[in-house]
């Protein structure tokens, strides 16, 4: 297992035998490398909520799409819902999933994964105040780590609305720079009433410093054209 200051990367371990010497099962081989990312962000009540997101890098033996299906299989085995409602383990305990917080680290243990993540003080404080941690097992294996982390921090569970049914970066449409995709821009326009590049780059995503003037102009042109087409009734979404 290797660690960075934001996440732990772990090769999957067997739920029945944690020894690293054991041969991986077919499901483990499809999962590939799993990454765990911690962050804390304001919830609906305005107070910080601690999050952990686990996802596959898509480097399993059968490729990213097989890795995505493997994650769904793991979720089913554990009893975690895929999409839809949130499972509150305080009412419906899942003994196979445990999170221990100690010494500035979060230890996540679940079938096929045991990882230790260094966590920031904000995360630890939120976990202690809430006495709970929000765990997301993401089935998207193809997002770059930084992009996945940014989307999760900015949108929480709404990030899946941006990803939709995409199975690759190309499925998210045009990349305007710094990982800002057409799918995210459309989400902001349709759900959060963003109308200008300034709305997107400074009020919603804080990516203004990371795009060049040409990229900002390209984003502005796209949004202006989209709004004009919508006003004329030629854009359904």
Protein backbone atom coordinates (compact mmCIF):
# COMPACT_ATOMS: atom_id res chain seq x y z
CA UNK A 1 0.00 0.00 0.00
CA UNK A 2 1.31 3.44 -0.85
CA UNK A 3 0.03 6.71 0.55
CA UNK A 4 -0.16 10.34 -0.46
CA UNK A 5 -1.25 13.27 1.67
CA UNK A 6 -4.80 12.97 0.33
CA UNK A 7 -5.46 9.29 -0.30
CA UNK A 8 -4.38 5.72 0.19
CA UNK A 9 -4.00 3.30 -2.68
CA UNK A 10 -4.43 -0.36 -1.91
CA UNK A 11 -4.47 -3.55 -3.89
CA UNK A 12 -7.70 -5.40 -3.06
CA UNK A 13 -7.53 -7.96 -0.28
CA UNK A 14 -9.68 -11.04 -0.07
CA UNK A 15 -12.62 -10.81 2.32
CA UNK A 16 -11.90 -14.31 3.59
CA UNK A 17 -8.13 -14.11 3.76
CA UNK A 18 -6.42 -10.74 4.26
CA UNK A 19 -2.96 -12.14 3.58
CA UNK A 20 -1.18 -10.35 0.76
CA UNK A 21 0.23 -13.73 -0.27
CA UNK A 22 -3.19 -15.07 -1.31
CA UNK A 23 -3.99 -15.33 -4.99
CA UNK A 24 -6.56 -12.75 -6.05
CA UNK A 25 -10.04 -13.97 -6.91
CA UNK A 26 -11.48 -13.29 -10.38
CA UNK A 27 -13.53 -10.44 -8.91
CA UNK A 28 -10.44 -8.92 -7.29
CA UNK A 29 -8.56 -9.13 -10.58
CA UNK A 30 -11.32 -7.19 -12.33
CA UNK A 31 -11.45 -4.55 -9.58
CA UNK A 32 -7.82 -3.56 -10.03
CA UNK A 33 -6.37 -0.89 -7.75
CA UNK A 34 -8.76 0.87 -5.38
CA UNK A 35 -8.23 4.45 -4.22
CA UNK A 36 -9.73 6.07 -1.12
CA UNK A 37 -10.05 9.87 -0.97
CA UNK A 38 -11.09 11.82 2.17
CA UNK A 39 -12.57 15.31 2.26
CA UNK A 40 -14.95 17.40 4.35
CA UNK A 41 -17.56 19.80 3.04
CA UNK A 42 -20.65 21.66 4.18
CA UNK A 43 -23.83 19.59 4.27
CA UNK A 44 -27.41 20.88 3.96
CA UNK A 45 -27.35 22.06 7.59
CA UNK A 46 -24.28 24.20 6.90
CA UNK A 47 -21.96 22.08 9.05
CA UNK A 48 -19.08 20.00 7.70
CA UNK A 49 -19.70 16.37 6.77
CA UNK A 50 -16.74 13.95 6.52
CA UNK A 51 -16.66 11.93 3.30
CA UNK A 52 -14.66 8.93 2.12
CA UNK A 53 -14.85 7.93 -1.53
CA UNK A 54 -13.49 4.58 -2.76
CA UNK A 55 -13.18 3.90 -6.47
CA UNK A 56 -11.23 1.76 -8.91
CA UNK A 57 -8.50 3.12 -11.14
CA UNK A 58 -9.85 0.89 -13.91
CA UNK A 59 -6.60 -1.05 -14.22
CA UNK A 60 -8.15 -4.50 -13.66
CA UNK A 61 -7.38 -7.40 -15.97
CA UNK A 62 -10.51 -6.93 -18.10
CA UNK A 63 -10.44 -3.15 -18.41
CA UNK A 64 -12.40 -0.19 -17.00
CA UNK A 65 -15.93 -1.31 -17.87
CA UNK A 66 -15.40 -4.71 -16.23
CA UNK A 67 -13.98 -2.87 -13.21
CA UNK A 68 -17.13 -0.78 -12.99
CA UNK A 69 -19.29 -3.90 -13.01
CA UNK A 70 -17.04 -5.49 -10.38
CA UNK A 71 -17.56 -2.50 -8.08
CA UNK A 72 -21.33 -2.90 -8.47
CA UNK A 73 -20.99 -6.58 -7.61
CA UNK A 74 -19.02 -5.72 -4.47
CA UNK A 75 -21.69 -3.18 -3.50
CA UNK A 76 -24.33 -5.86 -3.90
CA UNK A 77 -22.40 -8.33 -1.77
CA UNK A 78 -22.00 -5.78 1.01
CA UNK A 79 -25.59 -4.61 0.77
CA UNK A 80 -24.85 -1.05 -0.34
CA UNK A 81 -27.46 0.57 -2.60
CA UNK A 82 -26.37 1.56 -6.10
CA UNK A 83 -27.78 5.03 -6.72
CA UNK A 84 -31.02 6.17 -5.17
CA UNK A 85 -31.42 6.28 -1.40
CA UNK A 86 -28.64 6.62 1.15
CA UNK A 87 -28.09 3.76 3.57
CA UNK A 88 -27.87 4.89 7.21
CA UNK A 89 -25.78 2.22 8.92
CA UNK A 90 -26.86 3.46 12.35
CA UNK A 91 -30.29 2.01 11.56
CA UNK A 92 -29.22 -0.75 9.19
CA UNK A 93 -25.77 -1.86 10.39
CA UNK A 94 -23.38 -3.29 7.83
CA UNK A 95 -20.73 -5.15 9.87
CA UNK A 96 -18.63 -5.74 6.76
CA UNK A 97 -17.91 -2.00 6.44
CA UNK A 98 -16.00 -0.27 9.23
CA UNK A 99 -14.31 3.12 9.57
CA UNK A 100 -11.92 3.77 12.44
CA UNK A 101 -10.60 7.30 13.02
CA UNK A 102 -7.40 7.66 15.04
CA UNK A 103 -4.13 9.52 15.00
CA UNK A 104 -5.01 11.76 12.06
CA UNK A 105 -5.91 8.76 9.91
CA UNK A 106 -9.06 6.99 8.77
CA UNK A 107 -8.91 3.21 8.48
CA UNK A 108 -11.51 1.82 6.08
CA UNK A 109 -12.14 -1.92 6.18
CA UNK A 110 -14.55 -3.67 3.85
CA UNK A 111 -14.56 -6.78 1.64
CA UNK A 112 -11.82 -6.52 -1.01
CA UNK A 113 -10.38 -3.34 0.51
CA UNK A 114 -8.52 -2.25 3.61
CA UNK A 115 -6.91 1.16 3.38
CA UNK A 116 -5.44 3.77 5.71
CA UNK A 117 -5.87 7.40 4.70
CA UNK A 118 -4.19 10.44 6.23
CA UNK A 119 -7.05 12.90 6.84
CA UNK A 120 -6.98 16.68 7.38
CA UNK A 121 -7.91 18.20 10.74
CA UNK A 122 -11.15 19.55 9.25
CA UNK A 123 -12.18 16.00 8.35
CA UNK A 124 -11.31 14.62 11.79
CA UNK A 125 -13.19 17.43 13.54
CA UNK A 126 -16.27 16.80 11.39
CA UNK A 127 -16.12 13.05 12.04
CA UNK A 128 -15.95 13.60 15.78
CA UNK A 129 -18.75 16.18 15.75
CA UNK A 130 -21.01 14.08 13.55
CA UNK A 131 -20.00 10.72 14.97
CA UNK A 132 -20.55 9.44 11.45
CA UNK A 133 -18.76 9.26 8.09
CA UNK A 134 -20.35 9.42 4.65
CA UNK A 135 -18.88 6.60 2.51
CA UNK A 136 -19.23 6.66 -1.27
CA UNK A 137 -18.31 3.53 -3.24
CA UNK A 138 -18.03 4.91 -6.75
CA UNK A 139 -18.43 2.66 -9.76
CA UNK A 140 -16.70 5.04 -12.19
CA UNK A 141 -13.21 3.67 -12.81
CA UNK A 142 -11.99 6.09 -15.44
CA UNK A 143 -11.96 9.50 -13.76
CA UNK A 144 -8.57 10.94 -12.90
CA UNK A 145 -8.06 11.10 -9.14
CA UNK A 146 -8.02 14.91 -8.93
CA UNK A 147 -11.11 15.26 -11.12
CA UNK A 148 -13.02 12.67 -9.09
CA UNK A 149 -12.04 14.42 -5.88
CA UNK A 150 -13.08 17.85 -7.18
CA UNK A 151 -16.47 16.64 -8.45
CA UNK A 152 -17.17 14.80 -5.21
CA UNK A 153 -16.25 17.79 -3.07
CA UNK A 154 -18.22 20.24 -5.19
CA UNK A 155 -21.36 18.21 -5.84
CA UNK A 156 -21.50 15.28 -3.41
CA UNK A 157 -24.01 12.67 -4.57
CA UNK A 158 -25.14 15.01 -7.36
CA UNK A 159 -21.87 14.22 -9.14
CA UNK A 160 -23.53 11.11 -10.54
CA UNK A 161 -26.02 13.39 -12.35
CA UNK A 162 -23.08 15.01 -14.14
CA UNK A 163 -21.49 11.68 -15.05
CA UNK A 164 -24.78 10.24 -16.29
CA UNK A 165 -24.21 7.09 -18.32
CA UNK A 166 -20.74 8.09 -19.53
CA UNK A 167 -18.16 5.28 -19.62
CA UNK A 168 -15.16 7.41 -20.60
CA UNK A 169 -13.96 10.99 -20.52
CA UNK A 170 -15.18 11.39 -24.10
CA UNK A 171 -18.69 10.68 -22.83
CA UNK A 172 -18.57 13.91 -20.80
CA UNK A 173 -18.23 16.01 -23.95
CA UNK A 174 -15.91 18.90 -24.58
CA UNK A 175 -13.13 19.64 -22.09
CA UNK A 176 -12.87 23.40 -21.55
CA UNK A 177 -9.69 23.04 -19.48
CA UNK A 178 -8.69 22.03 -15.95
CA UNK A 179 -11.10 19.08 -16.08
CA UNK A 180 -14.17 21.27 -16.63
CA UNK A 181 -16.31 19.27 -19.04
CA UNK A 182 -19.34 20.01 -21.16
CA UNK A 183 -21.44 17.72 -18.94
CA UNK A 184 -20.52 19.73 -15.83
CA UNK A 185 -21.18 23.05 -17.55
CA UNK A 186 -24.60 21.84 -18.74
CA UNK A 187 -25.39 20.67 -15.22
CA UNK A 188 -24.55 24.11 -13.87
CA UNK A 189 -26.60 25.82 -16.58
CA UNK A 190 -29.63 23.57 -16.20
CA UNK A 191 -29.64 22.95 -12.44
CA UNK A 192 -27.88 25.97 -10.93
CA UNK A 193 -28.79 28.68 -13.45
CA UNK A 194 -25.24 29.54 -14.49
CA UNK A 195 -25.44 31.92 -17.43
CA UNK A 196 -21.91 33.17 -18.04
CA UNK A 197 -18.37 31.84 -17.92
CA UNK A 198 -17.87 33.98 -14.81
CA UNK A 199 -20.76 32.17 -13.10
CA UNK A 200 -19.14 28.80 -13.80
CA UNK A 201 -15.51 29.68 -13.17
CA UNK A 202 -15.77 31.91 -10.12
CA UNK A 203 -19.12 31.36 -8.42
CA UNK A 204 -19.54 27.60 -8.91
CA UNK A 205 -16.24 25.79 -9.58
CA UNK A 206 -13.47 28.24 -8.55
CA UNK A 207 -11.54 27.22 -11.67
CA UNK A 208 -11.08 30.77 -12.93
CA UNK A 209 -7.34 30.88 -12.27
CA UNK A 210 -6.72 27.59 -14.08
CA UNK A 211 -8.14 28.43 -17.52
CA UNK A 212 -6.33 30.53 -20.10
CA UNK A 213 -8.05 33.57 -21.68
CA UNK A 214 -8.65 31.53 -24.85
CA UNK A 215 -10.24 28.73 -22.83
CA UNK A 216 -12.46 31.22 -20.99
CA UNK A 217 -13.51 32.70 -24.32
CA UNK A 218 -14.31 29.22 -25.63
CA UNK A 219 -16.47 28.50 -22.59
CA UNK A 220 -18.27 31.83 -22.93
CA UNK A 221 -18.93 31.17 -26.61
CA UNK A 222 -20.31 27.70 -25.87
CA UNK A 223 -22.64 28.98 -23.15
CA UNK A 224 -23.85 31.92 -25.21
CA UNK A 225 -24.60 29.64 -28.16
CA UNK A 226 -26.35 27.14 -25.93
CA UNK A 227 -28.56 29.77 -24.34
CA UNK A 228 -29.42 31.29 -27.71
CA UNK A 229 -30.36 27.89 -29.13
CA UNK A 230 -32.44 27.10 -26.06
CA UNK A 231 -34.27 30.40 -26.35
CA UNK A 232 -35.17 29.46 -29.92
CA UNK A 233 -36.45 26.08 -28.74
CA UNK A 234 -33.82 23.97 -30.51
CA UNK A 235 -32.18 22.54 -27.38
CA UNK A 236 -34.19 20.09 -25.38
CA UNK A 237 -31.79 19.63 -22.47
